[in-house]
Amino acid sequence: MDTLQDYLLSKGYTKVKLHLTKTNHFEIIARINGRKGLFILDTGASSSCVGFEAIDTFNLKVKDSEIRAVGAGDSNMQTQISKQNKVKIGKWKKDRVVLILFNLTHVNTGLVNHNSNPVDGIIGADILKKGKAIIDYEKKYLYLKL
């Protein structure tokens, strides 16, 4: 019998190693517009997000947004939007990705207070759905369809 890994790789998926933090989040390295960053993988986040401070880091073109972000520990947060971004996770890549920008201070403060590294953003359900993502929680891998 094939393993999950063998099966998914044979079906055109690629695998990316996940790192489990002390806060029980999975961290992942991703590239936005060619620039590397550290992200939390969050299946409960409807949109992928980066912090306002990442505008220059990821060379984002942003516009103000009417959308208000709601997340753990905060609500009704001001946002901006950035369209036409290139996202690469491992060998998987997608063009024309929309990212939401908001203040990630409360997220990073919580992470640092629990001896975890601050992150540049969150990879949410929008990207996971585009990549037909499968998460192997036991082996700590994310599989994305090429």
N, C-alpha and C. Protein backbone atom coordinates (compact mmCIF):
# COMPACT_ATOMS: atom_id res chain seq x y z
N MET A 1 0.83 -1.18 0.00
CA MET A 1 0.00 0.00 0.00
C MET A 1 0.89 1.25 0.00
N ASP A 2 0.53 2.22 -0.83
CA ASP A 2 1.27 3.47 -0.88
C ASP A 2 1.03 4.30 0.37
N THR A 3 2.00 5.10 0.71
CA THR A 3 1.80 6.05 1.79
C THR A 3 1.03 7.25 1.24
N LEU A 4 0.53 8.09 2.13
CA LEU A 4 -0.15 9.31 1.69
C LEU A 4 0.78 10.14 0.82
N GLN A 5 2.02 10.25 1.25
CA GLN A 5 3.01 11.02 0.49
C GLN A 5 3.17 10.46 -0.92
N ASP A 6 3.37 9.17 -1.04
CA ASP A 6 3.55 8.55 -2.36
C ASP A 6 2.34 8.80 -3.24
N TYR A 7 1.16 8.62 -2.66
CA TYR A 7 -0.07 8.81 -3.42
C TYR A 7 -0.21 10.25 -3.92
N LEU A 8 -0.02 11.22 -3.02
CA LEU A 8 -0.20 12.62 -3.41
C LEU A 8 0.86 13.08 -4.41
N LEU A 9 2.10 12.66 -4.21
CA LEU A 9 3.15 13.02 -5.17
C LEU A 9 2.85 12.44 -6.54
N SER A 10 2.29 11.24 -6.58
CA SER A 10 1.94 10.62 -7.86
C SER A 10 0.77 11.33 -8.54
N LYS A 11 0.00 12.07 -7.77
CA LYS A 11 -1.15 12.81 -8.30
C LYS A 11 -0.81 14.26 -8.61
N GLY A 12 0.48 14.60 -8.59
CA GLY A 12 0.89 15.95 -8.98
C GLY A 12 0.94 16.98 -7.86
N TYR A 13 1.01 16.51 -6.64
CA TYR A 13 1.16 17.42 -5.50
C TYR A 13 2.64 17.61 -5.21
N THR A 14 2.94 18.70 -4.55
CA THR A 14 4.28 18.94 -4.02
C THR A 14 4.14 19.07 -2.51
N LYS A 15 5.20 18.75 -1.79
CA LYS A 15 5.11 18.82 -0.33
C LYS A 15 6.02 19.90 0.21
N VAL A 16 5.55 20.51 1.30
CA VAL A 16 6.28 21.58 1.96
C VAL A 16 6.30 21.27 3.45
N LYS A 17 7.47 21.33 4.05
CA LYS A 17 7.61 21.03 5.48
C LYS A 17 6.98 22.13 6.32
N LEU A 18 6.26 21.74 7.35
CA LEU A 18 5.66 22.66 8.31
C LEU A 18 6.44 22.58 9.62
N HIS A 19 6.49 23.70 10.32
CA HIS A 19 7.16 23.74 11.62
C HIS A 19 6.11 24.05 12.67
N LEU A 20 5.97 23.20 13.67
CA LEU A 20 5.01 23.41 14.75
C LEU A 20 5.65 24.29 15.82
N THR A 21 4.99 25.42 16.11
CA THR A 21 5.53 26.37 17.09
C THR A 21 5.10 25.99 18.50
N LYS A 22 5.65 26.70 19.47
CA LYS A 22 5.28 26.50 20.87
C LYS A 22 3.83 26.90 21.14
N THR A 23 3.26 27.72 20.24
CA THR A 23 1.87 28.13 20.38
C THR A 23 0.92 27.17 19.65
N ASN A 24 1.48 26.06 19.15
CA ASN A 24 0.71 25.03 18.45
C ASN A 24 0.17 25.51 17.09
N HIS A 25 0.88 26.45 16.47
CA HIS A 25 0.58 26.89 15.11
C HIS A 25 1.61 26.25 14.18
N PHE A 26 1.19 26.04 12.93
CA PHE A 26 2.15 25.65 11.92
C PHE A 26 2.70 26.89 11.25
N GLU A 27 4.04 26.97 11.17
CA GLU A 27 4.71 28.05 10.43
C GLU A 27 5.15 27.49 9.09
N ILE A 28 5.20 28.38 8.12
CA ILE A 28 5.61 28.00 6.77
C ILE A 28 6.37 29.15 6.15
N ILE A 29 7.36 28.83 5.34
CA ILE A 29 8.09 29.83 4.58
C ILE A 29 7.38 29.98 3.23
N ALA A 30 7.12 31.21 2.83
CA ALA A 30 6.51 31.48 1.53
C ALA A 30 7.20 32.69 0.92
N ARG A 31 7.07 32.82 -0.37
CA ARG A 31 7.60 33.99 -1.08
C ARG A 31 6.44 34.77 -1.67
N ILE A 32 6.48 36.06 -1.46
CA ILE A 32 5.51 36.96 -2.07
C ILE A 32 6.31 37.92 -2.94
N ASN A 33 5.96 37.94 -4.21
CA ASN A 33 6.66 38.80 -5.18
C ASN A 33 8.17 38.61 -5.10
N GLY A 34 8.58 37.34 -4.90
CA GLY A 34 10.00 36.99 -4.89
C GLY A 34 10.71 37.19 -3.56
N ARG A 35 10.01 37.71 -2.56
CA ARG A 35 10.63 37.98 -1.25
C ARG A 35 10.16 36.96 -0.23
N LYS A 36 11.11 36.40 0.51
CA LYS A 36 10.81 35.35 1.48
C LYS A 36 10.25 35.92 2.78
N GLY A 37 9.27 35.19 3.35
CA GLY A 37 8.70 35.59 4.62
C GLY A 37 8.26 34.39 5.43
N LEU A 38 7.97 34.64 6.71
CA LEU A 38 7.51 33.61 7.63
C LEU A 38 6.02 33.83 7.88
N PHE A 39 5.23 32.75 7.75
CA PHE A 39 3.79 32.85 7.84
C PHE A 39 3.22 31.77 8.74
N ILE A 40 2.09 32.08 9.34
CA ILE A 40 1.30 31.08 10.05
C ILE A 40 0.34 30.48 9.04
N LEU A 41 0.18 29.18 9.09
CA LEU A 41 -0.81 28.49 8.27
C LEU A 41 -2.10 28.47 9.09
N ASP A 42 -3.17 29.08 8.58
CA ASP A 42 -4.40 29.22 9.35
C ASP A 42 -5.60 28.85 8.48
N THR A 43 -6.09 27.63 8.64
CA THR A 43 -7.23 27.16 7.86
C THR A 43 -8.50 27.92 8.20
N GLY A 44 -8.53 28.56 9.36
CA GLY A 44 -9.72 29.31 9.78
C GLY A 44 -9.73 30.75 9.30
N ALA A 45 -8.63 31.21 8.73
CA ALA A 45 -8.57 32.58 8.19
C ALA A 45 -9.10 32.54 6.76
N SER A 46 -10.14 33.30 6.47
CA SER A 46 -10.73 33.25 5.13
C SER A 46 -9.80 33.83 4.08
N SER A 47 -9.01 34.82 4.44
CA SER A 47 -8.10 35.48 3.50
C SER A 47 -6.67 35.43 4.00
N SER A 48 -5.75 35.37 3.06
CA SER A 48 -4.33 35.46 3.42
C SER A 48 -4.00 36.92 3.67
N CYS A 49 -3.16 37.15 4.66
CA CYS A 49 -2.91 38.51 5.15
C CYS A 49 -1.43 38.74 5.38
N VAL A 50 -1.06 40.00 5.31
CA VAL A 50 0.27 40.44 5.76
C VAL A 50 0.09 41.70 6.58
N GLY A 51 1.09 42.02 7.37
CA GLY A 51 1.04 43.22 8.19
C GLY A 51 1.35 44.46 7.36
N PHE A 52 0.88 45.60 7.85
CA PHE A 52 1.14 46.87 7.17
C PHE A 52 2.64 47.09 6.95
N GLU A 53 3.45 46.64 7.91
CA GLU A 53 4.90 46.85 7.81
C GLU A 53 5.53 46.04 6.69
N ALA A 54 4.77 45.13 6.06
CA ALA A 54 5.31 44.28 5.00
C ALA A 54 5.16 44.89 3.60
N ILE A 55 4.61 46.09 3.51
CA ILE A 55 4.39 46.71 2.19
C ILE A 55 5.69 46.80 1.41
N ASP A 56 6.73 47.33 2.02
CA ASP A 56 8.02 47.44 1.34
C ASP A 56 8.71 46.09 1.21
N THR A 57 8.63 45.28 2.26
CA THR A 57 9.28 43.96 2.25
C THR A 57 8.86 43.14 1.04
N PHE A 58 7.56 43.13 0.75
CA PHE A 58 7.04 42.30 -0.33
C PHE A 58 6.68 43.09 -1.59
N ASN A 59 7.10 44.36 -1.63
CA ASN A 59 6.87 45.20 -2.80
C ASN A 59 5.39 45.18 -3.22
N LEU A 60 4.52 45.53 -2.26
CA LEU A 60 3.08 45.48 -2.48
C LEU A 60 2.54 46.82 -2.97
N LYS A 61 1.59 46.74 -3.88
CA LYS A 61 0.83 47.91 -4.30
C LYS A 61 -0.50 47.83 -3.57
N VAL A 62 -0.77 48.81 -2.71
CA VAL A 62 -1.93 48.70 -1.83
C VAL A 62 -2.95 49.82 -2.09
N LYS A 63 -4.18 49.49 -1.75
CA LYS A 63 -5.28 50.46 -1.79
C LYS A 63 -6.04 50.32 -0.48
N ASP A 64 -6.66 51.42 -0.06
CA ASP A 64 -7.52 51.34 1.11
C ASP A 64 -8.69 50.42 0.82
N SER A 65 -9.21 49.80 1.85
CA SER A 65 -10.29 48.84 1.70
C SER A 65 -11.41 49.18 2.67
N GLU A 66 -12.63 48.92 2.25
CA GLU A 66 -13.79 49.10 3.12
C GLU A 66 -13.96 47.91 4.08
N ILE A 67 -13.26 46.82 3.78
CA ILE A 67 -13.38 45.60 4.59
C ILE A 67 -12.78 45.86 5.97
N ARG A 68 -13.44 45.35 6.99
CA ARG A 68 -12.92 45.40 8.34
C ARG A 68 -12.53 43.99 8.74
N ALA A 69 -11.31 43.84 9.24
CA ALA A 69 -10.82 42.52 9.62
C ALA A 69 -11.30 42.17 11.01
N VAL A 70 -11.61 40.91 11.19
CA VAL A 70 -11.98 40.37 12.49
C VAL A 70 -11.12 39.15 12.73
N GLY A 71 -10.46 39.11 13.87
CA GLY A 71 -9.60 37.97 14.17
C GLY A 71 -9.55 37.74 15.66
N ALA A 72 -8.86 36.69 16.03
CA ALA A 72 -8.73 36.37 17.44
C ALA A 72 -8.09 37.53 18.18
N GLY A 73 -8.77 38.02 19.19
CA GLY A 73 -8.21 39.06 20.03
C GLY A 73 -8.47 40.47 19.55
N ASP A 74 -9.04 40.65 18.38
CA ASP A 74 -9.30 42.00 17.90
C ASP A 74 -10.43 41.95 16.87
N SER A 75 -11.10 43.08 16.69
CA SER A 75 -12.18 43.12 15.70
C SER A 75 -12.29 44.52 15.13
N ASN A 76 -12.93 44.62 13.98
CA ASN A 76 -13.18 45.90 13.31
C ASN A 76 -11.88 46.63 12.99
N MET A 77 -10.87 45.89 12.54
CA MET A 77 -9.57 46.48 12.23
C MET A 77 -9.55 47.04 10.81
N GLN A 78 -8.91 48.19 10.67
CA GLN A 78 -8.76 48.80 9.35
C GLN A 78 -7.88 47.91 8.48
N THR A 79 -8.23 47.86 7.19
CA THR A 79 -7.46 47.02 6.27
C THR A 79 -7.11 47.79 5.01
N GLN A 80 -6.15 47.25 4.31
CA GLN A 80 -5.84 47.67 2.94
C GLN A 80 -5.83 46.38 2.11
N ILE A 81 -5.83 46.55 0.79
CA ILE A 81 -5.86 45.39 -0.09
C ILE A 81 -4.74 45.53 -1.12
N SER A 82 -4.15 44.41 -1.48
CA SER A 82 -3.12 44.37 -2.51
C SER A 82 -3.46 43.25 -3.48
N LYS A 83 -3.60 43.60 -4.75
CA LYS A 83 -3.96 42.61 -5.77
C LYS A 83 -2.75 42.33 -6.65
N GLN A 84 -2.86 41.33 -7.48
CA GLN A 84 -1.83 41.01 -8.48
C GLN A 84 -0.49 40.62 -7.86
N ASN A 85 -0.52 39.83 -6.80
CA ASN A 85 0.72 39.37 -6.16
C ASN A 85 1.06 37.95 -6.60
N LYS A 86 2.35 37.67 -6.62
CA LYS A 86 2.84 36.32 -6.93
C LYS A 86 3.21 35.64 -5.62
N VAL A 87 2.59 34.49 -5.38
CA VAL A 87 2.87 33.75 -4.15
C VAL A 87 3.49 32.41 -4.53
N LYS A 88 4.55 32.05 -3.82
CA LYS A 88 5.23 30.78 -4.05
C LYS A 88 5.44 30.11 -2.70
N ILE A 89 4.98 28.86 -2.63
CA ILE A 89 5.17 28.05 -1.43
C ILE A 89 5.80 26.75 -1.90
N GLY A 90 7.07 26.54 -1.56
CA GLY A 90 7.79 25.39 -2.10
C GLY A 90 7.83 25.52 -3.61
N LYS A 91 7.42 24.48 -4.33
CA LYS A 91 7.40 24.51 -5.79
C LYS A 91 6.09 25.05 -6.34
N TRP A 92 5.07 25.17 -5.49
CA TRP A 92 3.75 25.65 -5.90
C TRP A 92 3.79 27.17 -6.05
N LYS A 93 3.16 27.67 -7.10
CA LYS A 93 3.09 29.13 -7.26
C LYS A 93 1.79 29.54 -7.91
N LYS A 94 1.38 30.76 -7.59
CA LYS A 94 0.14 31.30 -8.12
C LYS A 94 0.33 32.80 -8.34
N ASP A 95 -0.16 33.27 -9.48
CA ASP A 95 -0.13 34.70 -9.79
C ASP A 95 -1.50 35.30 -9.48
N ARG A 96 -1.54 36.61 -9.45
CA ARG A 96 -2.78 37.37 -9.24
C ARG A 96 -3.46 37.03 -7.91
N VAL A 97 -2.68 36.91 -6.85
CA VAL A 97 -3.22 36.61 -5.53
C VAL A 97 -3.53 37.92 -4.81
N VAL A 98 -4.71 37.97 -4.21
CA VAL A 98 -5.13 39.14 -3.43
C VAL A 98 -4.71 38.92 -1.98
N LEU A 99 -4.10 39.94 -1.39
CA LEU A 99 -3.71 39.88 0.02
C LEU A 99 -4.38 41.01 0.78
N ILE A 100 -4.78 40.73 1.99
CA ILE A 100 -5.34 41.74 2.89
C ILE A 100 -4.23 42.19 3.82
N LEU A 101 -4.12 43.48 4.02
CA LEU A 101 -3.14 44.03 4.95
C LEU A 101 -3.86 44.59 6.17
N PHE A 102 -3.34 44.25 7.34
CA PHE A 102 -3.86 44.83 8.58
C PHE A 102 -2.78 44.79 9.64
N ASN A 103 -3.08 45.38 10.77
CA ASN A 103 -2.12 45.49 11.85
C ASN A 103 -1.97 44.12 12.53
N LEU A 104 -0.80 43.52 12.38
CA LEU A 104 -0.52 42.20 12.96
C LEU A 104 0.13 42.29 14.35
N THR A 105 0.16 43.46 14.93
CA THR A 105 0.84 43.64 16.21
C THR A 105 0.30 42.69 17.28
N HIS A 106 -1.03 42.58 17.38
CA HIS A 106 -1.60 41.72 18.42
C HIS A 106 -1.25 40.25 18.19
N VAL A 107 -1.16 39.83 16.94
CA VAL A 107 -0.77 38.46 16.62
C VAL A 107 0.68 38.23 17.03
N ASN A 108 1.56 39.13 16.60
CA ASN A 108 2.99 38.95 16.89
C ASN A 108 3.33 39.13 18.36
N THR A 109 2.62 40.00 19.05
CA THR A 109 2.83 40.15 20.50
C THR A 109 2.50 38.85 21.21
N GLY A 110 1.40 38.23 20.83
CA GLY A 110 1.03 36.94 21.42
C GLY A 110 2.05 35.86 21.13
N LEU A 111 2.55 35.82 19.90
CA LEU A 111 3.56 34.82 19.55
C LEU A 111 4.84 35.02 20.35
N VAL A 112 5.33 36.25 20.40
CA VAL A 112 6.57 36.55 21.11
C VAL A 112 6.42 36.27 22.61
N ASN A 113 5.25 36.60 23.16
CA ASN A 113 5.01 36.33 24.59
C ASN A 113 5.03 34.84 24.92
N HIS A 114 4.87 34.00 23.91
CA HIS A 114 4.91 32.55 24.10
C HIS A 114 6.18 31.95 23.48
N ASN A 115 7.22 32.78 23.37
CA ASN A 115 8.53 32.34 22.88
C ASN A 115 8.51 31.79 21.45
N SER A 116 7.64 32.35 20.62
CA SER A 116 7.62 32.01 19.20
C SER A 116 8.10 33.22 18.41
N ASN A 117 8.45 32.99 17.16
CA ASN A 117 8.92 34.08 16.31
C ASN A 117 7.75 34.89 15.77
N PRO A 118 7.95 36.21 15.62
CA PRO A 118 6.92 37.01 14.94
C PRO A 118 6.84 36.59 13.47
N VAL A 119 5.67 36.79 12.86
CA VAL A 119 5.47 36.38 11.48
C VAL A 119 5.18 37.59 10.60
N ASP A 120 5.37 37.39 9.30
CA ASP A 120 5.07 38.43 8.32
C ASP A 120 3.60 38.42 7.92
N GLY A 121 2.94 37.29 8.15
CA GLY A 121 1.55 37.21 7.75
C GLY A 121 0.95 35.85 8.00
N ILE A 122 -0.22 35.65 7.37
CA ILE A 122 -1.01 34.45 7.55
C ILE A 122 -1.38 33.89 6.18
N ILE A 123 -1.13 32.61 5.98
CA ILE A 123 -1.60 31.92 4.78
C ILE A 123 -2.96 31.35 5.15
N GLY A 124 -4.01 31.85 4.48
CA GLY A 124 -5.36 31.48 4.83
C GLY A 124 -6.02 30.52 3.85
N ALA A 125 -7.31 30.32 4.07
CA ALA A 125 -8.08 29.35 3.29
C ALA A 125 -8.14 29.69 1.81
N ASP A 126 -8.05 30.97 1.45
CA ASP A 126 -8.10 31.33 0.03
C ASP A 126 -6.96 30.67 -0.75
N ILE A 127 -5.75 30.77 -0.24
CA ILE A 127 -4.60 30.15 -0.91
C ILE A 127 -4.66 28.63 -0.77
N LEU A 128 -5.05 28.14 0.38
CA LEU A 128 -5.12 26.70 0.58
C LEU A 128 -6.13 26.07 -0.38
N LYS A 129 -7.25 26.74 -0.62
CA LYS A 129 -8.23 26.23 -1.58
C LYS A 129 -7.68 26.25 -3.00
N LYS A 130 -6.99 27.34 -3.36
CA LYS A 130 -6.41 27.43 -4.71
C LYS A 130 -5.39 26.31 -4.94
N GLY A 131 -4.68 25.95 -3.90
CA GLY A 131 -3.66 24.91 -4.01
C GLY A 131 -4.19 23.51 -3.73
N LYS A 132 -5.52 23.38 -3.54
CA LYS A 132 -6.12 22.07 -3.22
C LYS A 132 -5.34 21.41 -2.08
N ALA A 133 -5.09 22.18 -1.03
CA ALA A 133 -4.20 21.79 0.06
C ALA A 133 -4.68 20.58 0.84
N ILE A 134 -3.72 19.78 1.21
CA ILE A 134 -3.93 18.66 2.13
C ILE A 134 -2.84 18.79 3.19
N ILE A 135 -3.26 18.75 4.45
CA ILE A 135 -2.30 18.88 5.55
C ILE A 135 -2.15 17.53 6.23
N ASP A 136 -0.91 17.07 6.33
CA ASP A 136 -0.59 15.86 7.08
C ASP A 136 -0.10 16.33 8.45
N TYR A 137 -1.02 16.33 9.41
CA TYR A 137 -0.70 16.84 10.73
C TYR A 137 0.33 15.97 11.45
N GLU A 138 0.26 14.68 11.25
CA GLU A 138 1.18 13.78 11.94
C GLU A 138 2.62 13.97 11.46
N LYS A 139 2.81 14.02 10.16
CA LYS A 139 4.16 14.13 9.60
C LYS A 139 4.59 15.59 9.39
N LYS A 140 3.66 16.52 9.59
CA LYS A 140 3.94 17.96 9.48
C LYS A 140 4.35 18.38 8.07
N TYR A 141 3.50 18.03 7.10
CA TYR A 141 3.69 18.46 5.72
C TYR A 141 2.41 19.08 5.18
N LEU A 142 2.60 20.07 4.33
CA LEU A 142 1.51 20.65 3.56
C LEU A 142 1.71 20.17 2.12
N TYR A 143 0.66 19.66 1.50
CA TYR A 143 0.70 19.24 0.11
C TYR A 143 -0.15 20.20 -0.71
N LEU A 144 0.42 20.68 -1.81
CA LEU A 144 -0.28 21.59 -2.72
C LEU A 144 -0.22 21.02 -4.13
N LYS A 145 -1.32 21.14 -4.85
CA LYS A 145 -1.43 20.59 -6.21
C LYS A 145 -0.74 21.52 -7.17
N LEU A 146 0.22 20.98 -7.94
CA LEU A 146 0.94 21.79 -8.94
C LEU A 146 0.08 22.03 -10.16
